[in-house]
Amino acid sequence: MGALLISYDLKSPGQDYTDLHDAIKSLGGWWHYLDSTWIVSTTLTPAQAWAELKAKMDTNDRLLVIDVTGKARSGWLPKKAWEWLTRHI
């Protein structure tokens, strides 16, 4: 199983993005400790994940999906966040 980083810039103020968030959650086990960033444990490729998510976004929004499978990582996050990353990536 791999892991995908999903990051977005949602441009419509006041827009309800619940459907997008639910679609991201449906891709697999998920991590969401940063406002516009998710990591999803999934067998999908970035292109497959994008195909699942694009219908939930406005045309002026932006979304990036990157395969982040691997052990190299660094940053400042809560212990619970690091534990999830260690278990799923």
PDB file of N, CA and C in Angstrom:
ATOM      1  N   MET A   1       0.852  -1.177   0.000  1.00  0.00           N
ATOM      2  CA  MET A   1       0.000   0.000   0.000  1.00  0.00           C
ATOM      3  C   MET A   1       0.891   1.231   0.000  1.00  0.00           C
ATOM      4  N   GLY A   2       0.451   2.256  -0.698  1.00  0.00           N
ATOM      5  CA  GLY A   2       1.195   3.499  -0.775  1.00  0.00           C
ATOM      6  C   GLY A   2       0.505   4.613  -0.008  1.00  0.00           C
ATOM      7  N   ALA A   3       1.050   5.802  -0.156  1.00  0.00           N
ATOM      8  CA  ALA A   3       0.478   6.974   0.491  1.00  0.00           C
ATOM      9  C   ALA A   3       0.525   8.145  -0.471  1.00  0.00           C
ATOM     10  N   LEU A   4      -0.549   8.916  -0.466  1.00  0.00           N
ATOM     11  CA  LEU A   4      -0.645  10.094  -1.316  1.00  0.00           C
ATOM     12  C   LEU A   4      -0.791  11.335  -0.460  1.00  0.00           C
ATOM     13  N   LEU A   5      -0.060  12.373  -0.802  1.00  0.00           N
ATOM     14  CA  LEU A   5      -0.232  13.680  -0.196  1.00  0.00           C
ATOM     15  C   LEU A   5      -1.210  14.445  -1.075  1.00  0.00           C
ATOM     16  N   ILE A   6      -2.257  14.980  -0.466  1.00  0.00           N
ATOM     17  CA  ILE A   6      -3.252  15.781  -1.171  1.00  0.00           C
ATOM     18  C   ILE A   6      -3.256  17.155  -0.524  1.00  0.00           C
ATOM     19  N   SER A   7      -2.993  18.163  -1.329  1.00  0.00           N
ATOM     20  CA  SER A   7      -2.962  19.535  -0.834  1.00  0.00           C
ATOM     21  C   SER A   7      -3.793  20.400  -1.766  1.00  0.00           C
ATOM     22  N   TYR A   8      -4.527  21.351  -1.206  1.00  0.00           N
ATOM     23  CA  TYR A   8      -5.406  22.145  -2.047  1.00  0.00           C
ATOM     24  C   TYR A   8      -5.437  23.603  -1.623  1.00  0.00           C
ATOM     25  N   ASP A   9      -5.893  24.424  -2.564  1.00  0.00           N
ATOM     26  CA  ASP A   9      -6.146  25.834  -2.345  1.00  0.00           C
ATOM     27  C   ASP A   9      -7.565  26.067  -2.843  1.00  0.00           C
ATOM     28  N   LEU A  10      -8.501  26.202  -1.930  1.00  0.00           N
ATOM     29  CA  LEU A  10      -9.913  26.334  -2.281  1.00  0.00           C
ATOM     30  C   LEU A  10     -10.263  27.813  -2.332  1.00  0.00           C
ATOM     31  N   LYS A  11     -10.704  28.263  -3.479  1.00  0.00           N
ATOM     32  CA  LYS A  11     -10.817  29.690  -3.768  1.00  0.00           C
ATOM     33  C   LYS A  11     -12.183  30.318  -3.527  1.00  0.00           C
ATOM     34  N   SER A  12     -13.211  29.554  -3.270  1.00  0.00           N
ATOM     35  CA  SER A  12     -14.557  30.126  -3.131  1.00  0.00           C
ATOM     36  C   SER A  12     -14.890  30.363  -1.668  1.00  0.00           C
ATOM     37  N   PRO A  13     -14.832  31.626  -1.211  1.00  0.00           N
ATOM     38  CA  PRO A  13     -15.169  31.925   0.188  1.00  0.00           C
ATOM     39  C   PRO A  13     -16.599  31.496   0.506  1.00  0.00           C
ATOM     40  N   GLY A  14     -16.777  30.889   1.653  1.00  0.00           N
ATOM     41  CA  GLY A  14     -18.096  30.464   2.077  1.00  0.00           C
ATOM     42  C   GLY A  14     -18.617  29.200   1.415  1.00  0.00           C
ATOM     43  N   GLN A  15     -17.852  28.648   0.494  1.00  0.00           N
ATOM     44  CA  GLN A  15     -18.255  27.418  -0.196  1.00  0.00           C
ATOM     45  C   GLN A  15     -18.194  26.241   0.776  1.00  0.00           C
ATOM     46  N   ASP A  16     -19.135  25.328   0.673  1.00  0.00           N
ATOM     47  CA  ASP A  16     -19.156  24.135   1.516  1.00  0.00           C
ATOM     48  C   ASP A  16     -18.371  23.022   0.816  1.00  0.00           C
ATOM     49  N   TYR A  17     -17.235  22.660   1.355  1.00  0.00           N
ATOM     50  CA  TYR A  17     -16.381  21.636   0.760  1.00  0.00           C
ATOM     51  C   TYR A  17     -16.500  20.302   1.481  1.00  0.00           C
ATOM     52  N   THR A  18     -17.600  20.076   2.181  1.00  0.00           N
ATOM     53  CA  THR A  18     -17.820  18.812   2.887  1.00  0.00           C
ATOM     54  C   THR A  18     -17.733  17.625   1.934  1.00  0.00           C
ATOM     55  N   ASP A  19     -18.302  17.757   0.729  1.00  0.00           N
ATOM     56  CA  ASP A  19     -18.253  16.653  -0.237  1.00  0.00           C
ATOM     57  C   ASP A  19     -16.827  16.316  -0.632  1.00  0.00           C
ATOM     58  N   LEU A  20     -15.980  17.335  -0.800  1.00  0.00           N
ATOM     59  CA  LEU A  20     -14.572  17.092  -1.128  1.00  0.00           C
ATOM     60  C   LEU A  20     -13.882  16.378   0.024  1.00  0.00           C
ATOM     61  N   HIS A  21     -14.086  16.855   1.240  1.00  0.00           N
ATOM     62  CA  HIS A  21     -13.452  16.224   2.403  1.00  0.00           C
ATOM     63  C   HIS A  21     -13.920  14.774   2.561  1.00  0.00           C
ATOM     64  N   ASP A  22     -15.199  14.526   2.356  1.00  0.00           N
ATOM     65  CA  ASP A  22     -15.718  13.163   2.433  1.00  0.00           C
ATOM     66  C   ASP A  22     -15.118  12.287   1.340  1.00  0.00           C
ATOM     67  N   ALA A  23     -14.939  12.841   0.149  1.00  0.00           N
ATOM     68  CA  ALA A  23     -14.329  12.080  -0.955  1.00  0.00           C
ATOM     69  C   ALA A  23     -12.879  11.730  -0.640  1.00  0.00           C
ATOM     70  N   ILE A  24     -12.143  12.659  -0.045  1.00  0.00           N
ATOM     71  CA  ILE A  24     -10.757  12.371   0.350  1.00  0.00           C
ATOM     72  C   ILE A  24     -10.741  11.248   1.388  1.00  0.00           C
ATOM     73  N   LYS A  25     -11.593  11.339   2.378  1.00  0.00           N
ATOM     74  CA  LYS A  25     -11.668  10.311   3.423  1.00  0.00           C
ATOM     75  C   LYS A  25     -12.013   8.947   2.846  1.00  0.00           C
ATOM     76  N   SER A  26     -12.785   8.917   1.781  1.00  0.00           N
ATOM     77  CA  SER A  26     -13.211   7.642   1.197  1.00  0.00           C
ATOM     78  C   SER A  26     -12.093   6.947   0.425  1.00  0.00           C
ATOM     79  N   LEU A  27     -10.989   7.631   0.168  1.00  0.00           N
ATOM     80  CA  LEU A  27      -9.884   7.036  -0.593  1.00  0.00           C
ATOM     81  C   LEU A  27      -9.105   6.002   0.210  1.00  0.00           C
ATOM     82  N   GLY A  28      -9.158   6.080   1.534  1.00  0.00           N
ATOM     83  CA  GLY A  28      -8.421   5.146   2.393  1.00  0.00           C
ATOM     84  C   GLY A  28      -8.220   5.753   3.770  1.00  0.00           C
ATOM     85  N   GLY A  29      -7.342   5.141   4.556  1.00  0.00           N
ATOM     86  CA  GLY A  29      -7.016   5.703   5.865  1.00  0.00           C
ATOM     87  C   GLY A  29      -6.402   7.076   5.671  1.00  0.00           C
ATOM     88  N   TRP A  30      -6.799   8.047   6.476  1.00  0.00           N
ATOM     89  CA  TRP A  30      -6.351   9.409   6.221  1.00  0.00           C
ATOM     90  C   TRP A  30      -5.766  10.082   7.452  1.00  0.00           C
ATOM     91  N   TRP A  31      -4.935  11.072   7.152  1.00  0.00           N
ATOM     92  CA  TRP A  31      -4.222  11.911   8.120  1.00  0.00           C
ATOM     93  C   TRP A  31      -4.507  13.344   7.726  1.00  0.00           C
ATOM     94  N   HIS A  32      -4.911  14.194   8.699  1.00  0.00           N
ATOM     95  CA  HIS A  32      -5.261  15.581   8.367  1.00  0.00           C
ATOM     96  C   HIS A  32      -4.913  16.495   9.537  1.00  0.00           C
ATOM     97  N   TYR A  33      -3.622  16.761   9.715  1.00  0.00           N
ATOM     98  CA  TYR A  33      -3.165  17.603  10.810  1.00  0.00           C
ATOM     99  C   TYR A  33      -2.864  19.029  10.374  1.00  0.00           C
ATOM    100  N   LEU A  34      -2.842  19.302   9.061  1.00  0.00           N
ATOM    101  CA  LEU A  34      -2.594  20.635   8.533  1.00  0.00           C
ATOM    102  C   LEU A  34      -3.808  21.068   7.720  1.00  0.00           C
ATOM    103  N   ASP A  35      -4.186  22.314   7.807  1.00  0.00           N
ATOM    104  CA  ASP A  35      -5.458  22.793   7.259  1.00  0.00           C
ATOM    105  C   ASP A  35      -5.783  22.322   5.847  1.00  0.00           C
ATOM    106  N   SER A  36      -4.887  22.478   4.910  1.00  0.00           N
ATOM    107  CA  SER A  36      -5.181  22.166   3.508  1.00  0.00           C
ATOM    108  C   SER A  36      -4.400  20.961   3.001  1.00  0.00           C
ATOM    109  N   THR A  37      -3.963  20.115   3.918  1.00  0.00           N
ATOM    110  CA  THR A  37      -3.120  18.984   3.548  1.00  0.00           C
ATOM    111  C   THR A  37      -3.651  17.699   4.166  1.00  0.00           C
ATOM    112  N   TRP A  38      -3.724  16.669   3.344  1.00  0.00           N
ATOM    113  CA  TRP A  38      -4.136  15.340   3.790  1.00  0.00           C
ATOM    114  C   TRP A  38      -3.083  14.345   3.310  1.00  0.00           C
ATOM    115  N   ILE A  39      -2.909  13.272   4.034  1.00  0.00           N
ATOM    116  CA  ILE A  39      -2.147  12.118   3.554  1.00  0.00           C
ATOM    117  C   ILE A  39      -3.096  10.935   3.650  1.00  0.00           C
ATOM    118  N   VAL A  40      -3.201  10.200   2.550  1.00  0.00           N
ATOM    119  CA  VAL A  40      -4.139   9.080   2.481  1.00  0.00           C
ATOM    120  C   VAL A  40      -3.365   7.799   2.188  1.00  0.00           C
ATOM    121  N   SER A  41      -3.591   6.791   3.002  1.00  0.00           N
ATOM    122  CA  SER A  41      -3.017   5.465   2.782  1.00  0.00           C
ATOM    123  C   SER A  41      -3.941   4.736   1.820  1.00  0.00           C
ATOM    124  N   THR A  42      -3.448   4.448   0.594  1.00  0.00           N
ATOM    125  CA  THR A  42      -4.322   3.926  -0.454  1.00  0.00           C
ATOM    126  C   THR A  42      -3.534   3.152  -1.498  1.00  0.00           C
ATOM    127  N   THR A  43      -4.245   2.379  -2.280  1.00  0.00           N
ATOM    128  CA  THR A  43      -3.625   1.688  -3.417  1.00  0.00           C
ATOM    129  C   THR A  43      -3.790   2.486  -4.704  1.00  0.00           C
ATOM    130  N   LEU A  44      -4.493   3.612  -4.638  1.00  0.00           N
ATOM    131  CA  LEU A  44      -4.714   4.436  -5.820  1.00  0.00           C
ATOM    132  C   LEU A  44      -3.456   5.183  -6.243  1.00  0.00           C
ATOM    133  N   THR A  45      -3.350   5.467  -7.537  1.00  0.00           N
ATOM    134  CA  THR A  45      -2.281   6.338  -8.038  1.00  0.00           C
ATOM    135  C   THR A  45      -2.740   7.789  -7.871  1.00  0.00           C
ATOM    136  N   PRO A  46      -1.820   8.749  -7.992  1.00  0.00           N
ATOM    137  CA  PRO A  46      -2.253  10.147  -7.946  1.00  0.00           C
ATOM    138  C   PRO A  46      -3.317  10.466  -8.999  1.00  0.00           C
ATOM    139  N   ALA A  47      -3.188   9.942 -10.208  1.00  0.00           N
ATOM    140  CA  ALA A  47      -4.166  10.201 -11.263  1.00  0.00           C
ATOM    141  C   ALA A  47      -5.543   9.614 -10.909  1.00  0.00           C
ATOM    142  N   GLN A  48      -5.558   8.440 -10.322  1.00  0.00           N
ATOM    143  CA  GLN A  48      -6.828   7.827  -9.924  1.00  0.00           C
ATOM    144  C   GLN A  48      -7.493   8.626  -8.805  1.00  0.00           C
ATOM    145  N   ALA A  49      -6.701   9.083  -7.841  1.00  0.00           N
ATOM    146  CA  ALA A  49      -7.249   9.895  -6.748  1.00  0.00           C
ATOM    147  C   ALA A  49      -7.810  11.203  -7.304  1.00  0.00           C
ATOM    148  N   TRP A  50      -7.075  11.855  -8.193  1.00  0.00           N
ATOM    149  CA  TRP A  50      -7.553  13.091  -8.808  1.00  0.00           C
ATOM    150  C   TRP A  50      -8.879  12.856  -9.530  1.00  0.00           C
ATOM    151  N   ALA A  51      -8.997  11.754 -10.240  1.00  0.00           N
ATOM    152  CA  ALA A  51     -10.234  11.438 -10.951  1.00  0.00           C
ATOM    153  C   ALA A  51     -11.416  11.329  -9.982  1.00  0.00           C
ATOM    154  N   GLU A  52     -11.163  10.833  -8.777  1.00  0.00           N
ATOM    155  CA  GLU A  52     -12.215  10.702  -7.767  1.00  0.00           C
ATOM    156  C   GLU A  52     -12.596  12.054  -7.152  1.00  0.00           C
ATOM    157  N   LEU A  53     -11.650  12.990  -7.093  1.00  0.00           N
ATOM    158  CA  LEU A  53     -11.859  14.234  -6.353  1.00  0.00           C
ATOM    159  C   LEU A  53     -12.294  15.420  -7.204  1.00  0.00           C
ATOM    160  N   LYS A  54     -11.947  15.442  -8.474  1.00  0.00           N
ATOM    161  CA  LYS A  54     -12.133  16.653  -9.279  1.00  0.00           C
ATOM    162  C   LYS A  54     -13.583  17.107  -9.389  1.00  0.00           C
ATOM    163  N   ALA A  55     -14.527  16.207  -9.344  1.00  0.00           N
ATOM    164  CA  ALA A  55     -15.936  16.595  -9.446  1.00  0.00           C
ATOM    165  C   ALA A  55     -16.425  17.335  -8.197  1.00  0.00           C
ATOM    166  N   LYS A  56     -15.671  17.263  -7.119  1.00  0.00           N
ATOM    167  CA  LYS A  56     -16.073  17.889  -5.853  1.00  0.00           C
ATOM    168  C   LYS A  56     -15.513  19.299  -5.693  1.00  0.00           C
ATOM    169  N   MET A  57     -14.812  19.795  -6.722  1.00  0.00           N
ATOM    170  CA  MET A  57     -14.134  21.082  -6.633  1.00  0.00           C
ATOM    171  C   MET A  57     -14.711  22.078  -7.625  1.00  0.00           C
ATOM    172  N   ASP A  58     -14.505  23.357  -7.348  1.00  0.00           N
ATOM    173  CA  ASP A  58     -14.854  24.410  -8.290  1.00  0.00           C
ATOM    174  C   ASP A  58     -13.726  24.554  -9.310  1.00  0.00           C
ATOM    175  N   THR A  59     -14.023  25.119 -10.461  1.00  0.00           N
ATOM    176  CA  THR A  59     -13.020  25.225 -11.526  1.00  0.00           C
ATOM    177  C   THR A  59     -11.876  26.170 -11.185  1.00  0.00           C
ATOM    178  N   ASN A  60     -12.053  27.080 -10.233  1.00  0.00           N
ATOM    179  CA  ASN A  60     -10.961  27.976  -9.852  1.00  0.00           C
ATOM    180  C   ASN A  60     -10.156  27.460  -8.660  1.00  0.00           C
ATOM    181  N   ASP A  61     -10.526  26.315  -8.092  1.00  0.00           N
ATOM    182  CA  ASP A  61      -9.759  25.706  -7.003  1.00  0.00           C
ATOM    183  C   ASP A  61      -8.493  25.061  -7.569  1.00  0.00           C
ATOM    184  N   ARG A  62      -7.555  24.740  -6.693  1.00  0.00           N
ATOM    185  CA  ARG A  62      -6.322  24.057  -7.084  1.00  0.00           C
ATOM    186  C   ARG A  62      -6.124  22.851  -6.173  1.00  0.00           C
ATOM    187  N   LEU A  63      -5.583  21.755  -6.742  1.00  0.00           N
ATOM    188  CA  LEU A  63      -5.360  20.539  -5.978  1.00  0.00           C
ATOM    189  C   LEU A  63      -4.104  19.852  -6.485  1.00  0.00           C
ATOM    190  N   LEU A  64      -3.304  19.348  -5.572  1.00  0.00           N
ATOM    191  CA  LEU A  64      -2.067  18.642  -5.899  1.00  0.00           C
ATOM    192  C   LEU A  64      -2.103  17.282  -5.221  1.00  0.00           C
ATOM    193  N   VAL A  65      -1.812  16.217  -5.969  1.00  0.00           N
ATOM    194  CA  VAL A  65      -1.747  14.866  -5.424  1.00  0.00           C
ATOM    195  C   VAL A  65      -0.377  14.295  -5.772  1.00  0.00           C
ATOM    196  N   ILE A  66       0.378  13.885  -4.762  1.00  0.00           N
ATOM    197  CA  ILE A  66       1.731  13.372  -4.950  1.00  0.00           C
ATOM    198  C   ILE A  66       1.899  12.071  -4.173  1.00  0.00           C
ATOM    199  N   ASP A  67       2.533  11.089  -4.779  1.00  0.00           N
ATOM    200  CA  ASP A  67       2.882   9.843  -4.091  1.00  0.00           C
ATOM    201  C   ASP A  67       4.000  10.156  -3.104  1.00  0.00           C
ATOM    202  N   VAL A  68       3.782   9.870  -1.829  1.00  0.00           N
ATOM    203  CA  VAL A  68       4.778  10.161  -0.794  1.00  0.00           C
ATOM    204  C   VAL A  68       5.219   8.909  -0.049  1.00  0.00           C
ATOM    205  N   THR A  69       5.098   7.764  -0.701  1.00  0.00           N
ATOM    206  CA  THR A  69       5.522   6.532  -0.073  1.00  0.00           C
ATOM    207  C   THR A  69       7.024   6.584   0.157  1.00  0.00           C
ATOM    208  N   GLY A  70       7.440   6.327   1.375  1.00  0.00           N
ATOM    209  CA  GLY A  70       8.862   6.351   1.712  1.00  0.00           C
ATOM    210  C   GLY A  70       9.065   6.740   3.159  1.00  0.00           C
ATOM    211  N   LYS A  71      10.279   6.620   3.618  1.00  0.00           N
ATOM    212  CA  LYS A  71      10.577   6.856   5.029  1.00  0.00           C
ATOM    213  C   LYS A  71      11.201   8.213   5.310  1.00  0.00           C
ATOM    214  N   ALA A  72      11.674   8.927   4.293  1.00  0.00           N
ATOM    215  CA  ALA A  72      12.331  10.217   4.521  1.00  0.00           C
ATOM    216  C   ALA A  72      11.272  11.288   4.783  1.00  0.00           C
ATOM    217  N   ARG A  73      11.312  11.881   5.957  1.00  0.00           N
ATOM    218  CA  ARG A  73      10.398  12.962   6.307  1.00  0.00           C
ATOM    219  C   ARG A  73      10.960  13.735   7.495  1.00  0.00           C
ATOM    220  N   SER A  74      10.548  14.975   7.612  1.00  0.00           N
ATOM    221  CA  SER A  74      11.019  15.815   8.693  1.00  0.00           C
ATOM    222  C   SER A  74      10.001  16.925   8.923  1.00  0.00           C
ATOM    223  N   GLY A  75       9.935  17.441  10.105  1.00  0.00           N
ATOM    224  CA  GLY A  75       9.025  18.541  10.391  1.00  0.00           C
ATOM    225  C   GLY A  75       8.706  18.638  11.871  1.00  0.00           C
ATOM    226  N   TRP A  76       7.767  19.484  12.193  1.00  0.00           N
ATOM    227  CA  TRP A  76       7.360  19.723  13.564  1.00  0.00           C
ATOM    228  C   TRP A  76       5.859  19.479  13.659  1.00  0.00           C
ATOM    229  N   LEU A  77       5.496  18.325  14.178  1.00  0.00           N
ATOM    230  CA  LEU A  77       4.109  17.906  14.289  1.00  0.00           C
ATOM    231  C   LEU A  77       3.881  17.249  15.639  1.00  0.00           C
ATOM    232  N   PRO A  78       2.626  17.117  16.060  1.00  0.00           N
ATOM    233  CA  PRO A  78       2.341  16.416  17.309  1.00  0.00           C
ATOM    234  C   PRO A  78       2.743  14.943  17.212  1.00  0.00           C
ATOM    235  N   LYS A  79       3.033  14.350  18.372  1.00  0.00           N
ATOM    236  CA  LYS A  79       3.433  12.945  18.429  1.00  0.00           C
ATOM    237  C   LYS A  79       2.428  12.041  17.724  1.00  0.00           C
ATOM    238  N   LYS A  80       1.128  12.303  17.903  1.00  0.00           N
ATOM    239  CA  LYS A  80       0.089  11.486  17.286  1.00  0.00           C
ATOM    240  C   LYS A  80       0.200  11.511  15.759  1.00  0.00           C
ATOM    241  N   ALA A  81       0.572  12.648  15.200  1.00  0.00           N
ATOM    242  CA  ALA A  81       0.746  12.767  13.748  1.00  0.00           C
ATOM    243  C   ALA A  81       1.910  11.901  13.279  1.00  0.00           C
ATOM    244  N   TRP A  82       3.030  11.968  13.985  1.00  0.00           N
ATOM    245  CA  TRP A  82       4.195  11.155  13.614  1.00  0.00           C
ATOM    246  C   TRP A  82       3.885   9.675  13.744  1.00  0.00           C
ATOM    247  N   GLU A  83       3.126   9.289  14.760  1.00  0.00           N
ATOM    248  CA  GLU A  83       2.770   7.871  14.929  1.00  0.00           C
ATOM    249  C   GLU A  83       1.951   7.378  13.746  1.00  0.00           C
ATOM    250  N   TRP A  84       0.999   8.186  13.268  1.00  0.00           N
ATOM    251  CA  TRP A  84       0.193   7.798  12.109  1.00  0.00           C
ATOM    252  C   TRP A  84       1.084   7.632  10.885  1.00  0.00           C
ATOM    253  N   LEU A  85       1.962   8.594  10.669  1.00  0.00           N
ATOM    254  CA  LEU A  85       2.864   8.535   9.511  1.00  0.00           C
ATOM    255  C   LEU A  85       3.741   7.281   9.565  1.00  0.00           C
ATOM    256  N   THR A  86       4.258   6.956  10.725  1.00  0.00           N
ATOM    257  CA  THR A  86       5.108   5.788  10.884  1.00  0.00           C
ATOM    258  C   THR A  86       4.343   4.500  10.596  1.00  0.00           C
ATOM    259  N   ARG A  87       3.112   4.416  11.019  1.00  0.00           N
ATOM    260  CA  ARG A  87       2.301   3.215  10.793  1.00  0.00           C
ATOM    261  C   ARG A  87       1.837   3.064   9.346  1.00  0.00           C
ATOM    262  N   HIS A  88       1.587   4.167   8.640  1.00  0.00           N
ATOM    263  CA  HIS A  88       0.927   4.094   7.340  1.00  0.00           C
ATOM    264  C   HIS A  88       1.791   4.405   6.130  1.00  0.00           C
ATOM    265  N   ILE A  89       2.970   4.895   6.338  1.00  0.00           N
ATOM    266  CA  ILE A  89       3.847   5.201   5.189  1.00  0.00           C
ATOM    267  C   ILE A  89       5.107   4.354   5.287  1.00  0.00           C
TER     268      ILE A  89
END
